């Protein structure tokens, strides 16, 4: 009779029959209805725990995906920072070179200015 009822359930009949017989052997004073109620309560609790574990696994997977995405973004920001730093150094080098060129031009113009001032003084004095 127990086996006929259990065959309609989605779980393995053999497992259920074993559980029922172990429960009946260990607790002979329990009525079958009490055993069945206890079994169904345990089954419901196990199903609830199964759902909880699945939810936790889904949440863990979501968190792993978020961590991976954050790590990828961090890598991109790091690469962007390195690229910007290289550009900044290149600009500073270019500006330094331009400054040196400008200083050399200033020195050349100062020398010409001194030479022109000397010529003007010579023209004024008539030498």
C-alpha atoms as a PDB file:
ATOM      1  CA  UNK A   1       0.000   0.000   0.000  1.00  0.00           C
ATOM      2  CA  UNK A   2       2.832   2.386   0.869  1.00  0.00           C
ATOM      3  CA  UNK A   3       4.589   1.490  -2.342  1.00  0.00           C
ATOM      4  CA  UNK A   4       1.511   2.177  -4.447  1.00  0.00           C
ATOM      5  CA  UNK A   5       1.104   5.663  -2.978  1.00  0.00           C
ATOM      6  CA  UNK A   6       4.771   6.449  -3.404  1.00  0.00           C
ATOM      7  CA  UNK A   7       4.918   5.402  -7.043  1.00  0.00           C
ATOM      8  CA  UNK A   8       2.850   8.445  -7.932  1.00  0.00           C
ATOM      9  CA  UNK A   9       5.366  10.828  -6.389  1.00  0.00           C
ATOM     10  CA  UNK A  10       8.252  12.187  -8.401  1.00  0.00           C
ATOM     11  CA  UNK A  11      10.884  10.870  -6.005  1.00  0.00           C
ATOM     12  CA  UNK A  12      12.349   7.394  -5.995  1.00  0.00           C
ATOM     13  CA  UNK A  13       9.955   4.870  -4.475  1.00  0.00           C
ATOM     14  CA  UNK A  14      12.747   2.724  -3.152  1.00  0.00           C
ATOM     15  CA  UNK A  15      14.188   5.610  -1.147  1.00  0.00           C
ATOM     16  CA  UNK A  16      10.816   6.480   0.341  1.00  0.00           C
ATOM     17  CA  UNK A  17      10.007   2.895   1.243  1.00  0.00           C
ATOM     18  CA  UNK A  18      13.388   2.593   2.974  1.00  0.00           C
ATOM     19  CA  UNK A  19      12.791   5.779   4.917  1.00  0.00           C
ATOM     20  CA  UNK A  20       9.302   4.682   5.937  1.00  0.00           C
ATOM     21  CA  UNK A  21      10.511   1.266   7.012  1.00  0.00           C
ATOM     22  CA  UNK A  22      13.402   2.713   9.013  1.00  0.00           C
ATOM     23  CA  UNK A  23      11.053   5.170  10.674  1.00  0.00           C
ATOM     24  CA  UNK A  24       8.569   2.397  11.440  1.00  0.00           C
ATOM     25  CA  UNK A  25      11.321   0.150  12.824  1.00  0.00           C
ATOM     26  CA  UNK A  26      12.770   2.826  15.068  1.00  0.00           C
ATOM     27  CA  UNK A  27       9.468   4.274  16.184  1.00  0.00           C
ATOM     28  CA  UNK A  28       6.985   1.415  16.239  1.00  0.00           C
ATOM     29  CA  UNK A  29       4.522   3.380  18.362  1.00  0.00           C
ATOM     30  CA  UNK A  30       4.073   6.102  15.728  1.00  0.00           C
ATOM     31  CA  UNK A  31       1.036   5.810  13.562  1.00  0.00           C
ATOM     32  CA  UNK A  32       1.567   5.785   9.789  1.00  0.00           C
ATOM     33  CA  UNK A  33      -0.131   9.188   9.409  1.00  0.00           C
ATOM     34  CA  UNK A  34       2.283  10.745  11.885  1.00  0.00           C
ATOM     35  CA  UNK A  35       5.217   9.207  10.037  1.00  0.00           C
ATOM     36  CA  UNK A  36       3.864  10.433   6.746  1.00  0.00           C
ATOM     37  CA  UNK A  37       3.332  13.936   8.155  1.00  0.00           C
ATOM     38  CA  UNK A  38       6.852  13.977   9.576  1.00  0.00           C
ATOM     39  CA  UNK A  39       8.275  12.763   6.294  1.00  0.00           C
ATOM     40  CA  UNK A  40       6.380  15.397   4.312  1.00  0.00           C
ATOM     41  CA  UNK A  41       7.479  18.115   6.758  1.00  0.00           C
ATOM     42  CA  UNK A  42      11.114  17.050   6.370  1.00  0.00           C
ATOM     43  CA  UNK A  43      10.680  16.911   2.608  1.00  0.00           C
ATOM     44  CA  UNK A  44       9.224  20.441   2.604  1.00  0.00           C
ATOM     45  CA  UNK A  45      12.104  21.676   4.750  1.00  0.00           C
ATOM     46  CA  UNK A  46      14.633  20.027   2.443  1.00  0.00           C
ATOM     47  CA  UNK A  47      12.958  21.627  -0.568  1.00  0.00           C
ATOM     48  CA  UNK A  48      13.056  25.015   1.140  1.00  0.00           C
ATOM     49  CA  UNK A  49      16.750  24.511   1.894  1.00  0.00           C
ATOM     50  CA  UNK A  50      17.324  23.454  -1.699  1.00  0.00           C
ATOM     51  CA  UNK A  51      15.676  26.668  -2.902  1.00  0.00           C
ATOM     52  CA  UNK A  52      17.731  28.697  -0.420  1.00  0.00           C
ATOM     53  CA  UNK A  53      20.969  27.105  -1.646  1.00  0.00           C
ATOM     54  CA  UNK A  54      19.968  27.820  -5.252  1.00  0.00           C
ATOM     55  CA  UNK A  55      19.259  31.452  -4.386  1.00  0.00           C
ATOM     56  CA  UNK A  56      22.612  31.718  -2.627  1.00  0.00           C
ATOM     57  CA  UNK A  57      24.363  30.183  -5.632  1.00  0.00           C
ATOM     58  CA  UNK A  58      22.604  32.602  -7.965  1.00  0.00           C
ATOM     59  CA  UNK A  59      23.580  35.528  -5.762  1.00  0.00           C
ATOM     60  CA  UNK A  60      27.164  34.267  -5.585  1.00  0.00           C
ATOM     61  CA  UNK A  61      27.262  34.002  -9.382  1.00  0.00           C
ATOM     62  CA  UNK A  62      25.901  37.533  -9.704  1.00  0.00           C
ATOM     63  CA  UNK A  63      28.547  38.797  -7.293  1.00  0.00           C
ATOM     64  CA  UNK A  64      31.290  36.941  -9.210  1.00  0.00           C
ATOM     65  CA  UNK A  65      30.070  38.587 -12.422  1.00  0.00           C
ATOM     66  CA  UNK A  66      30.112  42.006 -10.742  1.00  0.00           C
ATOM     67  CA  UNK A  67      33.609  41.372  -9.402  1.00  0.00           C
ATOM     68  CA  UNK A  68      34.831  40.359 -12.870  1.00  0.00           C
ATOM     69  CA  UNK A  69      33.249  43.431 -14.422  1.00  0.00           C
ATOM     70  CA  UNK A  70      34.810  45.676 -11.771  1.00  0.00           C
ATOM     71  CA  UNK A  71      38.211  44.067 -12.321  1.00  0.00           C
ATOM     72  CA  UNK A  72      37.901  44.620 -16.078  1.00  0.00           C
ATOM     73  CA  UNK A  73      36.978  48.262 -15.490  1.00  0.00           C
ATOM     74  CA  UNK A  74      39.930  48.643 -13.126  1.00  0.00           C
ATOM     75  CA  UNK A  75      42.244  47.201 -15.778  1.00  0.00           C
ATOM     76  CA  UNK A  76      40.825  49.608 -18.370  1.00  0.00           C
ATOM     77  CA  UNK A  77      41.269  52.576 -16.023  1.00  0.00           C
ATOM     78  CA  UNK A  78      44.823  51.448 -15.289  1.00  0.00           C
ATOM     79  CA  UNK A  79      45.623  51.213 -18.999  1.00  0.00           C
ATOM     80  CA  UNK A  80      43.998  54.598 -19.619  1.00  0.00           C
ATOM     81  CA  UNK A  81      46.035  56.105 -16.769  1.00  0.00           C
ATOM     82  CA  UNK A  82      49.251  54.699 -18.212  1.00  0.00           C
ATOM     83  CA  UNK A  83      48.372  56.017 -21.664  1.00  0.00           C
ATOM     84  CA  UNK A  84      47.611  59.475 -20.269  1.00  0.00           C
ATOM     85  CA  UNK A  85      50.842  59.446 -18.270  1.00  0.00           C
ATOM     86  CA  UNK A  86      52.837  58.613 -21.415  1.00  0.00           C
ATOM     87  CA  UNK A  87      51.106  61.417 -23.292  1.00  0.00           C
ATOM     88  CA  UNK A  88      51.788  63.817 -20.420  1.00  0.00           C
ATOM     89  CA  UNK A  89      55.488  62.896 -20.365  1.00  0.00           C
ATOM     90  CA  UNK A  90      55.704  63.295 -24.157  1.00  0.00           C
ATOM     91  CA  UNK A  91      54.082  66.741 -23.933  1.00  0.00           C
ATOM     92  CA  UNK A  92      56.434  67.788 -21.142  1.00  0.00           C
ATOM     93  CA  UNK A  93      59.400  66.612 -23.234  1.00  0.00           C
ATOM     94  CA  UNK A  94      58.112  68.569 -26.248  1.00  0.00           C
ATOM     95  CA  UNK A  95      57.542  71.673 -24.129  1.00  0.00           C
ATOM     96  CA  UNK A  96      61.046  71.317 -22.659  1.00  0.00           C
ATOM     97  CA  UNK A  97      62.526  71.115 -26.165  1.00  0.00           C
ATOM     98  CA  UNK A  98      60.498  74.138 -27.282  1.00  0.00           C
ATOM     99  CA  UNK A  99      61.686  76.056 -24.223  1.00  0.00           C
ATOM    100  CA  UNK A 100      65.327  75.250 -25.012  1.00  0.00           C
ATOM    101  CA  UNK A 101      64.833  76.367 -28.623  1.00  0.00           C
ATOM    102  CA  UNK A 102      63.194  79.583 -27.436  1.00  0.00           C
ATOM    103  CA  UNK A 103      66.045  80.259 -24.967  1.00  0.00           C
ATOM    104  CA  UNK A 104      68.602  79.724 -27.733  1.00  0.00           C
ATOM    105  CA  UNK A 105      66.691  82.154 -29.960  1.00  0.00           C
ATOM    106  CA  UNK A 106      66.590  84.696 -27.117  1.00  0.00           C
ATOM    107  CA  UNK A 107      70.367  84.390 -26.682  1.00  0.00           C
ATOM    108  CA  UNK A 108      70.841  84.841 -30.445  1.00  0.00           C
ATOM    109  CA  UNK A 109      68.585  87.915 -30.449  1.00  0.00           C
ATOM    110  CA  UNK A 110      70.423  89.362 -27.417  1.00  0.00           C
ATOM    111  CA  UNK A 111      73.770  88.921 -29.180  1.00  0.00           C
ATOM    112  CA  UNK A 112      72.378  90.610 -32.303  1.00  0.00           C
ATOM    113  CA  UNK A 113      70.954  93.390 -30.163  1.00  0.00           C
ATOM    114  CA  UNK A 114      74.354  93.971 -28.554  1.00  0.00           C
ATOM    115  CA  UNK A 115      76.017  93.965 -31.972  1.00  0.00           C
ATOM    116  CA  UNK A 116      73.436  96.390 -33.403  1.00  0.00           C
ATOM    117  CA  UNK A 117      73.757  98.678 -30.336  1.00  0.00           C
ATOM    118  CA  UNK A 118      77.536  98.667 -30.802  1.00  0.00           C
ATOM    119  CA  UNK A 119      77.184  99.612 -34.465  1.00  0.00           C
ATOM    120  CA  UNK A 120      74.766 102.417 -33.580  1.00  0.00           C
ATOM    121  CA  UNK A 121      77.165 103.751 -30.941  1.00  0.00           C
ATOM    122  CA  UNK A 122      79.982 103.664 -33.481  1.00  0.00           C
ATOM    123  CA  UNK A 123      77.850 105.523 -36.017  1.00  0.00           C
ATOM    124  CA  UNK A 124      76.942 108.146 -33.427  1.00  0.00           C
ATOM    125  CA  UNK A 125      80.510 108.692 -32.422  1.00  0.00           C
ATOM    126  CA  UNK A 126      81.741 108.547 -35.979  1.00  0.00           C
ATOM    127  CA  UNK A 127      84.332 105.896 -35.621  1.00  0.00           C
END
